[in-house]
């Protein structure tokens, strides 16, 4: 990790390191409950809400348990 890395990304990396072993032990239905109820999952969701560009990284570590953000990085729709 570098000094130039975003504090949010560093925090996300820590959270994912904690979440990965938990997720490996859970069945898919347990994972869905964990995403809704776990404070750890809520922190990851909070970072994801601010940084949708991290979705691929989150998915690579814990799978697709978190919903894909609507405002995904790379989408260039602007104006409502």
PDB file of N, CA and C in Angstrom:
ATOM      1  N   UNK A   1       0.845  -1.184   0.000  1.00  0.00           N
ATOM      2  CA  UNK A   1       0.000   0.000   0.000  1.00  0.00           C
ATOM      3  C   UNK A   1       0.884   1.238   0.000  1.00  0.00           C
ATOM      4  N   UNK A   2       0.455   2.252  -0.676  1.00  0.00           N
ATOM      5  CA  UNK A   2       1.281   3.437  -0.822  1.00  0.00           C
ATOM      6  C   UNK A   2       0.716   4.596  -0.031  1.00  0.00           C
ATOM      7  N   UNK A   3       1.553   5.600   0.158  1.00  0.00           N
ATOM      8  CA  UNK A   3       1.111   6.800   0.867  1.00  0.00           C
ATOM      9  C   UNK A   3       0.068   7.567   0.067  1.00  0.00           C
ATOM     10  N   UNK A   4       0.060   7.368  -1.242  1.00  0.00           N
ATOM     11  CA  UNK A   4      -0.873   8.081  -2.101  1.00  0.00           C
ATOM     12  C   UNK A   4      -2.249   7.430  -2.143  1.00  0.00           C
ATOM     13  N   UNK A   5      -2.376   6.271  -1.546  1.00  0.00           N
ATOM     14  CA  UNK A   5      -3.648   5.558  -1.584  1.00  0.00           C
ATOM     15  C   UNK A   5      -4.693   6.286  -0.740  1.00  0.00           C
ATOM     16  N   UNK A   6      -5.902   6.329  -1.244  1.00  0.00           N
ATOM     17  CA  UNK A   6      -7.003   7.011  -0.565  1.00  0.00           C
ATOM     18  C   UNK A   6      -7.270   6.384   0.801  1.00  0.00           C
ATOM     19  N   UNK A   7      -7.570   7.209   1.815  1.00  0.00           N
ATOM     20  CA  UNK A   7      -7.918   6.659   3.134  1.00  0.00           C
ATOM     21  C   UNK A   7      -9.127   5.730   3.064  1.00  0.00           C
ATOM     22  N   UNK A   8     -10.096   6.045   2.206  1.00  0.00           N
ATOM     23  CA  UNK A   8     -11.265   5.179   2.047  1.00  0.00           C
ATOM     24  C   UNK A   8     -10.863   3.822   1.477  1.00  0.00           C
ATOM     25  N   UNK A   9      -9.931   3.829   0.537  1.00  0.00           N
ATOM     26  CA  UNK A   9      -9.498   2.574  -0.061  1.00  0.00           C
ATOM     27  C   UNK A   9      -8.717   1.740   0.955  1.00  0.00           C
ATOM     28  N   UNK A  10      -7.895   2.393   1.756  1.00  0.00           N
ATOM     29  CA  UNK A  10      -7.171   1.672   2.808  1.00  0.00           C
ATOM     30  C   UNK A  10      -8.147   1.047   3.798  1.00  0.00           C
ATOM     31  N   UNK A  11      -9.156   1.810   4.195  1.00  0.00           N
ATOM     32  CA  UNK A  11     -10.174   1.300   5.116  1.00  0.00           C
ATOM     33  C   UNK A  11     -10.919   0.130   4.479  1.00  0.00           C
ATOM     34  N   UNK A  12     -11.283   0.274   3.220  1.00  0.00           N
ATOM     35  CA  UNK A  12     -11.983  -0.796   2.515  1.00  0.00           C
ATOM     36  C   UNK A  12     -11.138  -2.068   2.495  1.00  0.00           C
ATOM     37  N   UNK A  13      -9.864  -1.927   2.227  1.00  0.00           N
ATOM     38  CA  UNK A  13      -8.974  -3.087   2.203  1.00  0.00           C
ATOM     39  C   UNK A  13      -8.980  -3.804   3.548  1.00  0.00           C
ATOM     40  N   UNK A  14      -8.922  -3.043   4.635  1.00  0.00           N
ATOM     41  CA  UNK A  14      -8.984  -3.626   5.978  1.00  0.00           C
ATOM     42  C   UNK A  14     -10.302  -4.355   6.199  1.00  0.00           C
ATOM     43  N   UNK A  15     -11.393  -3.707   5.825  1.00  0.00           N
ATOM     44  CA  UNK A  15     -12.712  -4.300   6.024  1.00  0.00           C
ATOM     45  C   UNK A  15     -12.874  -5.585   5.220  1.00  0.00           C
ATOM     46  N   UNK A  16     -12.382  -5.573   4.002  1.00  0.00           N
ATOM     47  CA  UNK A  16     -12.490  -6.768   3.165  1.00  0.00           C
ATOM     48  C   UNK A  16     -11.652  -7.916   3.714  1.00  0.00           C
ATOM     49  N   UNK A  17     -10.506  -7.587   4.296  1.00  0.00           N
ATOM     50  CA  UNK A  17      -9.681  -8.622   4.921  1.00  0.00           C
ATOM     51  C   UNK A  17     -10.425  -9.278   6.081  1.00  0.00           C
ATOM     52  N   UNK A  18     -11.223  -8.497   6.800  1.00  0.00           N
ATOM     53  CA  UNK A  18     -12.026  -9.044   7.901  1.00  0.00           C
ATOM     54  C   UNK A  18     -13.221  -9.834   7.372  1.00  0.00           C
ATOM     55  N   UNK A  19     -13.806  -9.359   6.290  1.00  0.00           N
ATOM     56  CA  UNK A  19     -15.032  -9.969   5.768  1.00  0.00           C
ATOM     57  C   UNK A  19     -14.778 -11.282   5.032  1.00  0.00           C
ATOM     58  N   UNK A  20     -13.669 -11.381   4.334  1.00  0.00           N
ATOM     59  CA  UNK A  20     -13.431 -12.546   3.479  1.00  0.00           C
ATOM     60  C   UNK A  20     -13.529 -13.874   4.235  1.00  0.00           C
ATOM     61  N   UNK A  21     -12.851 -14.056   5.380  1.00  0.00           N
ATOM     62  CA  UNK A  21     -12.973 -15.356   6.056  1.00  0.00           C
ATOM     63  C   UNK A  21     -14.385 -15.631   6.562  1.00  0.00           C
ATOM     64  N   UNK A  22     -15.108 -14.590   6.916  1.00  0.00           N
ATOM     65  CA  UNK A  22     -16.492 -14.765   7.353  1.00  0.00           C
ATOM     66  C   UNK A  22     -17.363 -15.278   6.207  1.00  0.00           C
ATOM     67  N   UNK A  23     -17.186 -14.673   5.056  1.00  0.00           N
ATOM     68  CA  UNK A  23     -18.012 -15.006   3.894  1.00  0.00           C
ATOM     69  C   UNK A  23     -17.769 -16.449   3.431  1.00  0.00           C
ATOM     70  N   UNK A  24     -16.550 -16.917   3.572  1.00  0.00           N
ATOM     71  CA  UNK A  24     -16.220 -18.277   3.132  1.00  0.00           C
ATOM     72  C   UNK A  24     -16.970 -19.332   3.933  1.00  0.00           C
ATOM     73  N   UNK A  25     -17.353 -18.984   5.159  1.00  0.00           N
ATOM     74  CA  UNK A  25     -18.024 -19.934   6.039  1.00  0.00           C
ATOM     75  C   UNK A  25     -19.545 -19.884   5.923  1.00  0.00           C
ATOM     76  N   UNK A  26     -20.071 -18.956   5.138  1.00  0.00           N
ATOM     77  CA  UNK A  26     -21.524 -18.753   5.078  1.00  0.00           C
ATOM     78  C   UNK A  26     -22.134 -19.311   3.800  1.00  0.00           C
ATOM     79  N   UNK A  27     -23.358 -19.788   3.952  1.00  0.00           N
ATOM     80  CA  UNK A  27     -24.170 -20.147   2.794  1.00  0.00           C
ATOM     81  C   UNK A  27     -24.741 -18.862   2.196  1.00  0.00           C
ATOM     82  N   UNK A  28     -25.165 -18.892   0.925  1.00  0.00           N
ATOM     83  CA  UNK A  28     -25.689 -17.674   0.283  1.00  0.00           C
ATOM     84  C   UNK A  28     -26.806 -16.986   1.069  1.00  0.00           C
ATOM     85  N   UNK A  29     -27.722 -17.743   1.663  1.00  0.00           N
ATOM     86  CA  UNK A  29     -28.797 -17.097   2.417  1.00  0.00           C
ATOM     87  C   UNK A  29     -28.258 -16.415   3.673  1.00  0.00           C
ATOM     88  N   UNK A  30     -27.228 -16.988   4.276  1.00  0.00           N
ATOM     89  CA  UNK A  30     -26.598 -16.362   5.446  1.00  0.00           C
ATOM     90  C   UNK A  30     -25.858 -15.094   5.033  1.00  0.00           C
ATOM     91  N   UNK A  31     -25.243 -15.114   3.850  1.00  0.00           N
ATOM     92  CA  UNK A  31     -24.535 -13.938   3.352  1.00  0.00           C
ATOM     93  C   UNK A  31     -25.486 -12.765   3.162  1.00  0.00           C
ATOM     94  N   UNK A  32     -26.684 -13.042   2.659  1.00  0.00           N
ATOM     95  CA  UNK A  32     -27.674 -11.974   2.456  1.00  0.00           C
ATOM     96  C   UNK A  32     -28.059 -11.328   3.784  1.00  0.00           C
ATOM     97  N   UNK A  33     -28.235 -12.135   4.806  1.00  0.00           N
ATOM     98  CA  UNK A  33     -28.566 -11.607   6.138  1.00  0.00           C
ATOM     99  C   UNK A  33     -27.389 -10.798   6.674  1.00  0.00           C
ATOM    100  N   UNK A  34     -26.180 -11.310   6.481  1.00  0.00           N
ATOM    101  CA  UNK A  34     -24.977 -10.623   6.957  1.00  0.00           C
ATOM    102  C   UNK A  34     -24.864  -9.235   6.339  1.00  0.00           C
ATOM    103  N   UNK A  35     -25.113  -9.129   5.031  1.00  0.00           N
ATOM    104  CA  UNK A  35     -25.015  -7.836   4.344  1.00  0.00           C
ATOM    105  C   UNK A  35     -25.982  -6.822   4.945  1.00  0.00           C
ATOM    106  N   UNK A  36     -27.154  -7.271   5.360  1.00  0.00           N
ATOM    107  CA  UNK A  36     -28.169  -6.375   5.914  1.00  0.00           C
ATOM    108  C   UNK A  36     -27.891  -6.029   7.379  1.00  0.00           C
ATOM    109  N   UNK A  37     -27.409  -6.998   8.149  1.00  0.00           N
ATOM    110  CA  UNK A  37     -27.344  -6.826   9.598  1.00  0.00           C
ATOM    111  C   UNK A  37     -25.962  -6.525  10.170  1.00  0.00           C
ATOM    112  N   UNK A  38     -24.912  -6.862   9.487  1.00  0.00           N
ATOM    113  CA  UNK A  38     -23.570  -6.732  10.044  1.00  0.00           C
ATOM    114  C   UNK A  38     -23.047  -5.293   9.983  1.00  0.00           C
ATOM    115  N   UNK A  39     -22.516  -4.802  11.111  1.00  0.00           N
ATOM    116  CA  UNK A  39     -21.881  -3.475  11.088  1.00  0.00           C
ATOM    117  C   UNK A  39     -20.703  -3.422  10.107  1.00  0.00           C
ATOM    118  N   UNK A  40     -19.971  -4.509   9.996  1.00  0.00           N
ATOM    119  CA  UNK A  40     -18.864  -4.582   9.051  1.00  0.00           C
ATOM    120  C   UNK A  40     -19.371  -4.404   7.616  1.00  0.00           C
ATOM    121  N   UNK A  41     -20.437  -5.101   7.283  1.00  0.00           N
ATOM    122  CA  UNK A  41     -21.025  -4.970   5.944  1.00  0.00           C
ATOM    123  C   UNK A  41     -21.542  -3.560   5.709  1.00  0.00           C
ATOM    124  N   UNK A  42     -22.101  -2.950   6.742  1.00  0.00           N
ATOM    125  CA  UNK A  42     -22.613  -1.582   6.595  1.00  0.00           C
ATOM    126  C   UNK A  42     -21.485  -0.601   6.297  1.00  0.00           C
ATOM    127  N   UNK A  43     -20.326  -0.814   6.903  1.00  0.00           N
ATOM    128  CA  UNK A  43     -19.173   0.051   6.617  1.00  0.00           C
ATOM    129  C   UNK A  43     -18.727  -0.121   5.169  1.00  0.00           C
ATOM    130  N   UNK A  44     -18.698  -1.362   4.703  1.00  0.00           N
ATOM    131  CA  UNK A  44     -18.314  -1.617   3.311  1.00  0.00           C
ATOM    132  C   UNK A  44     -19.325  -0.959   2.370  1.00  0.00           C
ATOM    133  N   UNK A  45     -20.624  -1.092   2.672  1.00  0.00           N
ATOM    134  CA  UNK A  45     -21.661  -0.469   1.837  1.00  0.00           C
ATOM    135  C   UNK A  45     -21.526   1.049   1.821  1.00  0.00           C
ATOM    136  N   UNK A  46     -21.155   1.622   2.940  1.00  0.00           N
ATOM    137  CA  UNK A  46     -20.979   3.070   3.027  1.00  0.00           C
ATOM    138  C   UNK A  46     -19.842   3.538   2.115  1.00  0.00           C
ATOM    139  N   UNK A  47     -18.736   2.824   2.149  1.00  0.00           N
ATOM    140  CA  UNK A  47     -17.615   3.177   1.268  1.00  0.00           C
ATOM    141  C   UNK A  47     -18.022   2.975  -0.181  1.00  0.00           C
ATOM    142  N   UNK A  48     -18.731   1.888  -0.468  1.00  0.00           N
ATOM    143  CA  UNK A  48     -19.186   1.614  -1.828  1.00  0.00           C
ATOM    144  C   UNK A  48     -20.115   2.715  -2.340  1.00  0.00           C
ATOM    145  N   UNK A  49     -20.954   3.249  -1.456  1.00  0.00           N
ATOM    146  CA  UNK A  49     -21.864   4.330  -1.856  1.00  0.00           C
ATOM    147  C   UNK A  49     -21.081   5.567  -2.297  1.00  0.00           C
ATOM    148  N   UNK A  50     -19.957   5.819  -1.641  1.00  0.00           N
ATOM    149  CA  UNK A  50     -19.133   6.982  -1.981  1.00  0.00           C
ATOM    150  C   UNK A  50     -18.147   6.699  -3.110  1.00  0.00           C
ATOM    151  N   UNK A  51     -17.834   5.434  -3.307  1.00  0.00           N
ATOM    152  CA  UNK A  51     -16.821   5.050  -4.301  1.00  0.00           C
ATOM    153  C   UNK A  51     -17.298   3.845  -5.109  1.00  0.00           C
ATOM    154  N   UNK A  52     -18.254   4.038  -6.001  1.00  0.00           N
ATOM    155  CA  UNK A  52     -18.750   2.899  -6.792  1.00  0.00           C
ATOM    156  C   UNK A  52     -17.655   2.248  -7.637  1.00  0.00           C
ATOM    157  N   UNK A  53     -16.568   2.964  -7.871  1.00  0.00           N
ATOM    158  CA  UNK A  53     -15.464   2.393  -8.647  1.00  0.00           C
ATOM    159  C   UNK A  53     -14.784   1.229  -7.926  1.00  0.00           C
ATOM    160  N   UNK A  54     -15.046   1.058  -6.640  1.00  0.00           N
ATOM    161  CA  UNK A  54     -14.460  -0.049  -5.875  1.00  0.00           C
ATOM    162  C   UNK A  54     -15.289  -1.333  -5.974  1.00  0.00           C
ATOM    163  N   UNK A  55     -16.416  -1.285  -6.655  1.00  0.00           N
ATOM    164  CA  UNK A  55     -17.308  -2.445  -6.689  1.00  0.00           C
ATOM    165  C   UNK A  55     -16.608  -3.711  -7.191  1.00  0.00           C
ATOM    166  N   UNK A  56     -15.854  -3.608  -8.265  1.00  0.00           N
ATOM    167  CA  UNK A  56     -15.190  -4.796  -8.830  1.00  0.00           C
ATOM    168  C   UNK A  56     -14.232  -5.411  -7.812  1.00  0.00           C
ATOM    169  N   UNK A  57     -13.547  -4.581  -7.079  1.00  0.00           N
ATOM    170  CA  UNK A  57     -12.623  -5.080  -6.059  1.00  0.00           C
ATOM    171  C   UNK A  57     -13.375  -5.795  -4.936  1.00  0.00           C
ATOM    172  N   UNK A  58     -14.476  -5.197  -4.504  1.00  0.00           N
ATOM    173  CA  UNK A  58     -15.295  -5.815  -3.448  1.00  0.00           C
ATOM    174  C   UNK A  58     -15.829  -7.153  -3.935  1.00  0.00           C
ATOM    175  N   UNK A  59     -16.337  -7.167  -5.148  1.00  0.00           N
ATOM    176  CA  UNK A  59     -16.896  -8.402  -5.719  1.00  0.00           C
ATOM    177  C   UNK A  59     -15.823  -9.473  -5.838  1.00  0.00           C
ATOM    178  N   UNK A  60     -14.608  -9.087  -6.187  1.00  0.00           N
ATOM    179  CA  UNK A  60     -13.519 -10.059  -6.332  1.00  0.00           C
ATOM    180  C   UNK A  60     -13.173 -10.715  -5.000  1.00  0.00           C
ATOM    181  N   UNK A  61     -13.343  -9.988  -3.904  1.00  0.00           N
ATOM    182  CA  UNK A  61     -12.970 -10.520  -2.591  1.00  0.00           C
ATOM    183  C   UNK A  61     -14.110 -11.291  -1.943  1.00  0.00           C
ATOM    184  N   UNK A  62     -15.310 -10.729  -1.934  1.00  0.00           N
ATOM    185  CA  UNK A  62     -16.423 -11.355  -1.194  1.00  0.00           C
ATOM    186  C   UNK A  62     -17.552 -11.827  -2.098  1.00  0.00           C
ATOM    187  N   UNK A  63     -17.382 -11.759  -3.391  1.00  0.00           N
ATOM    188  CA  UNK A  63     -18.428 -12.199  -4.302  1.00  0.00           C
ATOM    189  C   UNK A  63     -19.476 -11.119  -4.511  1.00  0.00           C
ATOM    190  N   UNK A  64     -20.570 -11.490  -5.106  1.00  0.00           N
ATOM    191  CA  UNK A  64     -21.602 -10.529  -5.479  1.00  0.00           C
ATOM    192  C   UNK A  64     -22.652 -10.298  -4.410  1.00  0.00           C
ATOM    193  N   UNK A  65     -22.276 -10.338  -3.143  1.00  0.00           N
ATOM    194  CA  UNK A  65     -23.268 -10.174  -2.078  1.00  0.00           C
ATOM    195  C   UNK A  65     -23.753  -8.738  -1.946  1.00  0.00           C
ATOM    196  N   UNK A  66     -22.928  -7.798  -2.347  1.00  0.00           N
ATOM    197  CA  UNK A  66     -23.345  -6.397  -2.299  1.00  0.00           C
ATOM    198  C   UNK A  66     -23.944  -6.020  -3.643  1.00  0.00           C
ATOM    199  N   UNK A  67     -25.060  -5.300  -3.635  1.00  0.00           N
ATOM    200  CA  UNK A  67     -25.664  -4.905  -4.910  1.00  0.00           C
ATOM    201  C   UNK A  67     -24.751  -3.950  -5.670  1.00  0.00           C
ATOM    202  N   UNK A  68     -24.754  -4.106  -6.974  1.00  0.00           N
ATOM    203  CA  UNK A  68     -23.950  -3.226  -7.819  1.00  0.00           C
ATOM    204  C   UNK A  68     -24.487  -1.805  -7.709  1.00  0.00           C
ATOM    205  N   UNK A  69     -23.596  -0.835  -7.476  1.00  0.00           N
ATOM    206  CA  UNK A  69     -24.071   0.549  -7.336  1.00  0.00           C
ATOM    207  C   UNK A  69     -24.697   1.067  -8.618  1.00  0.00           C
ATOM    208  N   UNK A  70     -25.723   1.872  -8.462  1.00  0.00           N
ATOM    209  CA  UNK A  70     -26.431   2.422  -9.619  1.00  0.00           C
ATOM    210  C   UNK A  70     -25.555   3.408 -10.384  1.00  0.00           C
ATOM    211  N   UNK A  71     -24.794   4.227  -9.679  1.00  0.00           N
ATOM    212  CA  UNK A  71     -23.944   5.214 -10.320  1.00  0.00           C
ATOM    213  C   UNK A  71     -22.550   4.681 -10.532  1.00  0.00           C
ATOM    214  N   UNK A  72     -22.457   3.511 -11.176  1.00  0.00           N
ATOM    215  CA  UNK A  72     -21.174   2.850 -11.385  1.00  0.00           C
ATOM    216  C   UNK A  72     -20.188   3.752 -12.109  1.00  0.00           C
ATOM    217  N   UNK A  73     -18.918   3.670 -11.728  1.00  0.00           N
ATOM    218  CA  UNK A  73     -17.878   4.398 -12.427  1.00  0.00           C
ATOM    219  C   UNK A  73     -17.844   3.916 -13.872  1.00  0.00           C
ATOM    220  N   UNK A  74     -17.646   4.838 -14.769  1.00  0.00           N
ATOM    221  CA  UNK A  74     -17.616   4.460 -16.175  1.00  0.00           C
ATOM    222  C   UNK A  74     -18.910   4.777 -16.878  1.00  0.00           C
ATOM    223  N   UNK A  75     -20.001   4.949 -16.146  1.00  0.00           N
ATOM    224  CA  UNK A  75     -21.237   5.348 -16.801  1.00  0.00           C
ATOM    225  C   UNK A  75     -21.193   6.855 -16.956  1.00  0.00           C
ATOM    226  N   UNK A  76     -21.476   7.337 -18.132  1.00  0.00           N
ATOM    227  CA  UNK A  76     -21.324   8.760 -18.395  1.00  0.00           C
ATOM    228  C   UNK A  76     -22.672   9.439 -18.604  1.00  0.00           C
ATOM    229  N   UNK A  77     -23.660   9.028 -17.859  1.00  0.00           N
ATOM    230  CA  UNK A  77     -24.945   9.692 -17.969  1.00  0.00           C
ATOM    231  C   UNK A  77     -24.952  10.890 -17.039  1.00  0.00           C
ATOM    232  N   UNK A  78     -25.327  12.015 -17.565  1.00  0.00           N
ATOM    233  CA  UNK A  78     -25.401  13.210 -16.719  1.00  0.00           C
ATOM    234  C   UNK A  78     -26.644  13.998 -17.054  1.00  0.00           C
ATOM    235  N   UNK A  79     -27.124  14.696 -16.059  1.00  0.00           N
ATOM    236  CA  UNK A  79     -28.334  15.486 -16.244  1.00  0.00           C
ATOM    237  C   UNK A  79     -29.556  14.647 -16.075  1.00  0.00           C
ATOM    238  N   UNK A  80     -30.532  15.190 -15.374  1.00  0.00           N
ATOM    239  CA  UNK A  80     -31.779  14.459 -15.142  1.00  0.00           C
ATOM    240  C   UNK A  80     -32.952  15.178 -15.707  1.00  0.00           C
TER     241      UNK A  80
END
